[in-house]
Amino acid sequence: MTAPVRFGVVGLDHWYSAIPLAQAVADDRRTELVAIADPSTDRANEVAAKTGGPRVTTSFKEVLEDDSIDVIASFVSVDQNPDVCVAAARAGKHIVSVKPLARTLAEADRIVEAVNAAG
């Protein structure tokens, strides 16, 4: 059996998408929910309790830099999303992103460039 794909959820601003994704990841034996990062520890702890108790932090950076995480699921506000996605790409992570990806074409282009540069 291969190792599960390990996810970190960054931000719960788009909770209507973030929570179902976190639950699906936690419920699938092919994936593992490793961490949830959100400025509100109460909100993150609530989601963690529903999804098997992954690590909770207020630090997006901590999750983005965690070498054990394969995929960053970004559910931060759209104004923060480009920075999170660029940091995730630079850290070599796969990215699941909130929609819309960015507020402007220039911000979206910055994400695409970071992903392309990361290979």
N, C-alpha and C. Protein backbone atom coordinates (compact mmCIF):
# COMPACT_ATOMS: atom_id res chain seq x y z
N MET A 1 0.84 -1.18 0.00
CA MET A 1 0.00 0.00 0.00
C MET A 1 0.89 1.25 0.00
N THR A 2 0.52 2.24 -0.79
CA THR A 2 1.29 3.48 -0.84
C THR A 2 0.89 4.38 0.32
N ALA A 3 1.79 5.29 0.65
CA ALA A 3 1.53 6.24 1.74
C ALA A 3 0.40 7.18 1.33
N PRO A 4 -0.39 7.61 2.30
CA PRO A 4 -1.48 8.54 1.96
C PRO A 4 -0.94 9.91 1.53
N VAL A 5 -1.70 10.61 0.71
CA VAL A 5 -1.39 11.98 0.34
C VAL A 5 -1.77 12.84 1.54
N ARG A 6 -0.82 13.66 2.00
CA ARG A 6 -1.00 14.41 3.25
C ARG A 6 -1.37 15.87 2.96
N PHE A 7 -2.47 16.31 3.56
CA PHE A 7 -3.04 17.63 3.31
C PHE A 7 -2.88 18.56 4.51
N GLY A 8 -2.70 19.83 4.20
CA GLY A 8 -2.80 20.90 5.19
C GLY A 8 -3.82 21.90 4.69
N VAL A 9 -4.79 22.23 5.53
CA VAL A 9 -5.79 23.25 5.19
C VAL A 9 -5.31 24.57 5.75
N VAL A 10 -5.26 25.57 4.90
CA VAL A 10 -4.80 26.90 5.30
C VAL A 10 -5.97 27.86 5.14
N GLY A 11 -6.50 28.32 6.25
CA GLY A 11 -7.62 29.26 6.25
C GLY A 11 -8.96 28.56 6.16
N LEU A 12 -9.91 29.11 6.89
CA LEU A 12 -11.28 28.60 6.87
C LEU A 12 -12.26 29.70 6.50
N ASP A 13 -11.78 30.72 5.80
CA ASP A 13 -12.64 31.83 5.40
C ASP A 13 -13.80 31.34 4.52
N HIS A 14 -13.49 30.43 3.65
CA HIS A 14 -14.51 29.83 2.78
C HIS A 14 -14.92 28.48 3.39
N TRP A 15 -15.50 28.55 4.57
CA TRP A 15 -15.83 27.37 5.37
C TRP A 15 -16.75 26.40 4.65
N TYR A 16 -17.63 26.91 3.80
CA TYR A 16 -18.59 26.08 3.07
C TYR A 16 -17.89 25.14 2.08
N SER A 17 -16.67 25.44 1.71
CA SER A 17 -15.85 24.54 0.89
C SER A 17 -14.77 23.86 1.72
N ALA A 18 -14.20 24.59 2.66
CA ALA A 18 -13.09 24.07 3.46
C ALA A 18 -13.51 22.89 4.32
N ILE A 19 -14.64 23.00 4.99
CA ILE A 19 -15.05 21.94 5.91
C ILE A 19 -15.39 20.66 5.16
N PRO A 20 -16.18 20.70 4.07
CA PRO A 20 -16.43 19.46 3.33
C PRO A 20 -15.15 18.82 2.78
N LEU A 21 -14.20 19.65 2.30
CA LEU A 21 -12.95 19.08 1.80
C LEU A 21 -12.18 18.43 2.95
N ALA A 22 -12.09 19.10 4.09
CA ALA A 22 -11.37 18.54 5.24
C ALA A 22 -12.01 17.22 5.67
N GLN A 23 -13.33 17.16 5.69
CA GLN A 23 -14.01 15.92 6.06
C GLN A 23 -13.75 14.81 5.05
N ALA A 24 -13.78 15.15 3.77
CA ALA A 24 -13.52 14.14 2.73
C ALA A 24 -12.09 13.61 2.82
N VAL A 25 -11.14 14.51 3.06
CA VAL A 25 -9.74 14.09 3.19
C VAL A 25 -9.59 13.18 4.41
N ALA A 26 -10.20 13.57 5.52
CA ALA A 26 -10.09 12.78 6.75
C ALA A 26 -10.75 11.41 6.61
N ASP A 27 -11.79 11.32 5.80
CA ASP A 27 -12.55 10.07 5.66
C ASP A 27 -11.96 9.10 4.63
N ASP A 28 -11.05 9.56 3.81
CA ASP A 28 -10.52 8.72 2.73
C ASP A 28 -9.19 8.10 3.17
N ARG A 29 -9.07 6.80 3.10
CA ARG A 29 -7.84 6.13 3.55
C ARG A 29 -6.64 6.45 2.67
N ARG A 30 -6.86 7.03 1.49
CA ARG A 30 -5.76 7.40 0.60
C ARG A 30 -5.19 8.77 0.92
N THR A 31 -5.85 9.48 1.84
CA THR A 31 -5.42 10.83 2.21
C THR A 31 -5.37 10.97 3.72
N GLU A 32 -4.62 11.96 4.18
CA GLU A 32 -4.53 12.23 5.61
C GLU A 32 -4.57 13.74 5.83
N LEU A 33 -5.42 14.16 6.73
CA LEU A 33 -5.48 15.57 7.10
C LEU A 33 -4.48 15.79 8.23
N VAL A 34 -3.41 16.51 7.94
CA VAL A 34 -2.30 16.69 8.88
C VAL A 34 -2.49 17.91 9.76
N ALA A 35 -2.94 19.02 9.16
CA ALA A 35 -2.99 20.27 9.91
C ALA A 35 -4.07 21.20 9.36
N ILE A 36 -4.56 22.05 10.26
CA ILE A 36 -5.47 23.13 9.90
C ILE A 36 -4.89 24.41 10.49
N ALA A 37 -4.72 25.42 9.64
CA ALA A 37 -4.23 26.72 10.10
C ALA A 37 -5.30 27.77 9.87
N ASP A 38 -5.61 28.52 10.92
CA ASP A 38 -6.59 29.60 10.82
C ASP A 38 -6.31 30.59 11.95
N PRO A 39 -6.52 31.87 11.71
CA PRO A 39 -6.32 32.84 12.79
C PRO A 39 -7.21 32.58 14.01
N SER A 40 -8.35 31.96 13.80
CA SER A 40 -9.25 31.63 14.90
C SER A 40 -9.00 30.19 15.36
N THR A 41 -8.37 30.03 16.52
CA THR A 41 -8.14 28.68 17.01
C THR A 41 -9.45 28.00 17.36
N ASP A 42 -10.45 28.77 17.79
CA ASP A 42 -11.76 28.16 18.09
C ASP A 42 -12.35 27.53 16.84
N ARG A 43 -12.31 28.27 15.74
CA ARG A 43 -12.86 27.76 14.48
C ARG A 43 -12.05 26.56 13.99
N ALA A 44 -10.73 26.65 14.06
CA ALA A 44 -9.88 25.54 13.62
C ALA A 44 -10.07 24.31 14.50
N ASN A 45 -10.17 24.51 15.81
CA ASN A 45 -10.39 23.37 16.72
C ASN A 45 -11.74 22.72 16.47
N GLU A 46 -12.74 23.50 16.13
CA GLU A 46 -14.06 22.94 15.84
C GLU A 46 -14.00 22.03 14.62
N VAL A 47 -13.32 22.47 13.58
CA VAL A 47 -13.18 21.65 12.37
C VAL A 47 -12.29 20.44 12.67
N ALA A 48 -11.24 20.63 13.42
CA ALA A 48 -10.36 19.52 13.77
C ALA A 48 -11.11 18.43 14.54
N ALA A 49 -12.00 18.82 15.43
CA ALA A 49 -12.78 17.85 16.20
C ALA A 49 -13.68 17.01 15.30
N LYS A 50 -14.13 17.59 14.20
CA LYS A 50 -15.01 16.89 13.26
C LYS A 50 -14.23 16.01 12.29
N THR A 51 -12.91 16.19 12.24
CA THR A 51 -12.11 15.53 11.20
C THR A 51 -10.97 14.68 11.75
N GLY A 52 -11.09 14.23 12.96
CA GLY A 52 -10.10 13.31 13.50
C GLY A 52 -8.95 13.92 14.25
N GLY A 53 -9.01 15.20 14.51
CA GLY A 53 -8.00 15.83 15.36
C GLY A 53 -6.66 16.12 14.74
N PRO A 54 -6.61 16.69 13.53
CA PRO A 54 -5.31 17.10 12.99
C PRO A 54 -4.73 18.23 13.84
N ARG A 55 -3.44 18.50 13.64
CA ARG A 55 -2.77 19.61 14.33
C ARG A 55 -3.46 20.92 13.97
N VAL A 56 -3.59 21.81 14.93
CA VAL A 56 -4.19 23.12 14.74
C VAL A 56 -3.14 24.18 15.06
N THR A 57 -3.10 25.21 14.22
CA THR A 57 -2.17 26.32 14.42
C THR A 57 -2.79 27.59 13.87
N THR A 58 -2.28 28.72 14.34
CA THR A 58 -2.68 30.00 13.75
C THR A 58 -1.68 30.43 12.67
N SER A 59 -0.62 29.67 12.48
CA SER A 59 0.46 30.04 11.56
C SER A 59 0.31 29.35 10.20
N PHE A 60 -0.05 30.14 9.19
CA PHE A 60 -0.07 29.60 7.83
C PHE A 60 1.32 29.13 7.44
N LYS A 61 2.33 29.90 7.83
CA LYS A 61 3.72 29.60 7.48
C LYS A 61 4.13 28.22 7.99
N GLU A 62 3.70 27.89 9.20
CA GLU A 62 4.04 26.59 9.79
C GLU A 62 3.55 25.44 8.91
N VAL A 63 2.34 25.57 8.40
CA VAL A 63 1.77 24.52 7.54
C VAL A 63 2.43 24.53 6.17
N LEU A 64 2.64 25.72 5.62
CA LEU A 64 3.27 25.82 4.30
C LEU A 64 4.68 25.24 4.29
N GLU A 65 5.40 25.36 5.40
CA GLU A 65 6.78 24.90 5.46
C GLU A 65 6.92 23.48 6.00
N ASP A 66 5.84 22.82 6.32
CA ASP A 66 5.88 21.45 6.85
C ASP A 66 6.22 20.48 5.72
N ASP A 67 7.40 19.89 5.78
CA ASP A 67 7.85 18.98 4.73
C ASP A 67 7.03 17.71 4.63
N SER A 68 6.28 17.38 5.66
CA SER A 68 5.47 16.16 5.62
C SER A 68 4.16 16.36 4.86
N ILE A 69 3.81 17.60 4.54
CA ILE A 69 2.56 17.90 3.85
C ILE A 69 2.80 17.96 2.35
N ASP A 70 1.95 17.25 1.61
CA ASP A 70 2.05 17.19 0.15
C ASP A 70 1.20 18.23 -0.56
N VAL A 71 0.03 18.53 0.03
CA VAL A 71 -0.97 19.38 -0.62
C VAL A 71 -1.41 20.47 0.34
N ILE A 72 -1.46 21.70 -0.16
CA ILE A 72 -2.03 22.81 0.60
C ILE A 72 -3.40 23.09 0.00
N ALA A 73 -4.41 23.06 0.85
CA ALA A 73 -5.76 23.43 0.47
C ALA A 73 -6.00 24.84 1.02
N SER A 74 -5.99 25.82 0.14
CA SER A 74 -6.08 27.22 0.54
C SER A 74 -7.51 27.70 0.51
N PHE A 75 -8.01 28.05 1.69
CA PHE A 75 -9.36 28.60 1.82
C PHE A 75 -9.32 29.93 2.55
N VAL A 76 -8.22 30.67 2.36
CA VAL A 76 -8.09 32.01 2.91
C VAL A 76 -8.94 32.96 2.07
N SER A 77 -9.05 34.21 2.51
CA SER A 77 -9.77 35.20 1.72
C SER A 77 -9.05 35.39 0.38
N VAL A 78 -9.80 35.82 -0.61
CA VAL A 78 -9.26 35.94 -1.97
C VAL A 78 -8.10 36.93 -2.01
N ASP A 79 -8.09 37.94 -1.16
CA ASP A 79 -6.97 38.88 -1.16
C ASP A 79 -5.69 38.24 -0.63
N GLN A 80 -5.79 37.23 0.21
CA GLN A 80 -4.61 36.52 0.74
C GLN A 80 -4.19 35.33 -0.11
N ASN A 81 -5.09 34.83 -0.93
CA ASN A 81 -4.86 33.59 -1.65
C ASN A 81 -3.62 33.60 -2.56
N PRO A 82 -3.37 34.66 -3.32
CA PRO A 82 -2.16 34.63 -4.16
C PRO A 82 -0.88 34.40 -3.36
N ASP A 83 -0.74 35.06 -2.22
CA ASP A 83 0.47 34.88 -1.41
C ASP A 83 0.58 33.46 -0.88
N VAL A 84 -0.54 32.88 -0.44
CA VAL A 84 -0.52 31.50 0.06
C VAL A 84 -0.17 30.54 -1.06
N CYS A 85 -0.79 30.71 -2.22
CA CYS A 85 -0.52 29.79 -3.34
C CYS A 85 0.91 29.90 -3.84
N VAL A 86 1.45 31.11 -3.91
CA VAL A 86 2.83 31.29 -4.34
C VAL A 86 3.78 30.63 -3.33
N ALA A 87 3.52 30.84 -2.04
CA ALA A 87 4.36 30.22 -1.02
C ALA A 87 4.26 28.70 -1.09
N ALA A 88 3.07 28.18 -1.33
CA ALA A 88 2.89 26.73 -1.44
C ALA A 88 3.65 26.18 -2.63
N ALA A 89 3.57 26.86 -3.76
CA ALA A 89 4.30 26.41 -4.95
C ALA A 89 5.80 26.43 -4.71
N ARG A 90 6.28 27.48 -4.09
CA ARG A 90 7.72 27.59 -3.80
C ARG A 90 8.18 26.51 -2.83
N ALA A 91 7.25 26.06 -1.98
CA ALA A 91 7.58 24.99 -1.02
C ALA A 91 7.42 23.61 -1.65
N GLY A 92 7.05 23.56 -2.93
CA GLY A 92 6.93 22.28 -3.63
C GLY A 92 5.64 21.54 -3.34
N LYS A 93 4.62 22.26 -2.91
CA LYS A 93 3.33 21.63 -2.58
C LYS A 93 2.40 21.65 -3.78
N HIS A 94 1.53 20.66 -3.84
CA HIS A 94 0.39 20.72 -4.74
C HIS A 94 -0.60 21.68 -4.10
N ILE A 95 -1.49 22.25 -4.90
CA ILE A 95 -2.38 23.30 -4.39
C ILE A 95 -3.82 23.00 -4.80
N VAL A 96 -4.71 23.08 -3.80
CA VAL A 96 -6.15 23.14 -4.03
C VAL A 96 -6.54 24.54 -3.57
N SER A 97 -7.17 25.31 -4.46
CA SER A 97 -7.41 26.72 -4.15
C SER A 97 -8.88 27.07 -4.17
N VAL A 98 -9.19 28.04 -3.31
CA VAL A 98 -10.49 28.67 -3.30
C VAL A 98 -10.73 29.33 -4.66
N LYS A 99 -12.00 29.51 -4.99
CA LYS A 99 -12.35 30.25 -6.20
C LYS A 99 -13.04 31.53 -5.78
N PRO A 100 -12.78 32.64 -6.39
CA PRO A 100 -11.80 32.82 -7.45
C PRO A 100 -10.38 32.72 -6.92
N LEU A 101 -9.49 32.39 -7.79
CA LEU A 101 -8.07 32.21 -7.46
C LEU A 101 -7.44 33.50 -6.98
N ALA A 102 -7.84 34.62 -7.59
CA ALA A 102 -7.24 35.92 -7.29
C ALA A 102 -8.23 37.02 -7.66
N ARG A 103 -7.89 38.23 -7.24
CA ARG A 103 -8.76 39.37 -7.56
C ARG A 103 -8.47 39.98 -8.92
N THR A 104 -7.24 39.80 -9.39
CA THR A 104 -6.85 40.40 -10.67
C THR A 104 -6.11 39.38 -11.51
N LEU A 105 -6.04 39.66 -12.79
CA LEU A 105 -5.29 38.79 -13.70
C LEU A 105 -3.81 38.79 -13.33
N ALA A 106 -3.27 39.92 -12.91
CA ALA A 106 -1.85 39.99 -12.52
C ALA A 106 -1.58 39.08 -11.32
N GLU A 107 -2.48 39.05 -10.34
CA GLU A 107 -2.30 38.16 -9.19
C GLU A 107 -2.38 36.70 -9.61
N ALA A 108 -3.31 36.38 -10.49
CA ALA A 108 -3.44 35.01 -10.98
C ALA A 108 -2.21 34.61 -11.78
N ASP A 109 -1.69 35.53 -12.59
CA ASP A 109 -0.47 35.25 -13.35
C ASP A 109 0.70 34.96 -12.42
N ARG A 110 0.77 35.67 -11.31
CA ARG A 110 1.86 35.44 -10.33
C ARG A 110 1.79 34.03 -9.78
N ILE A 111 0.59 33.54 -9.53
CA ILE A 111 0.42 32.15 -9.05
C ILE A 111 0.86 31.16 -10.11
N VAL A 112 0.38 31.37 -11.34
CA VAL A 112 0.74 30.47 -12.44
C VAL A 112 2.25 30.46 -12.65
N GLU A 113 2.88 31.60 -12.59
CA GLU A 113 4.35 31.66 -12.75
C GLU A 113 5.05 30.89 -11.65
N ALA A 114 4.57 31.00 -10.42
CA ALA A 114 5.20 30.26 -9.30
C ALA A 114 5.02 28.76 -9.47
N VAL A 115 3.85 28.35 -9.91
CA VAL A 115 3.60 26.92 -10.13
C VAL A 115 4.48 26.41 -11.27
N ASN A 116 4.56 27.15 -12.35
CA ASN A 116 5.41 26.74 -13.47
C ASN A 116 6.88 26.67 -13.06
N ALA A 117 7.32 27.64 -12.27
CA ALA A 117 8.72 27.65 -11.83
C ALA A 117 9.02 26.47 -10.92
N ALA A 118 8.02 26.02 -10.17
CA ALA A 118 8.19 24.89 -9.27
C ALA A 118 8.16 23.55 -10.02
N GLY A 119 7.71 23.60 -11.25
CA GLY A 119 7.68 22.39 -12.06
C GLY A 119 6.45 21.58 -11.83
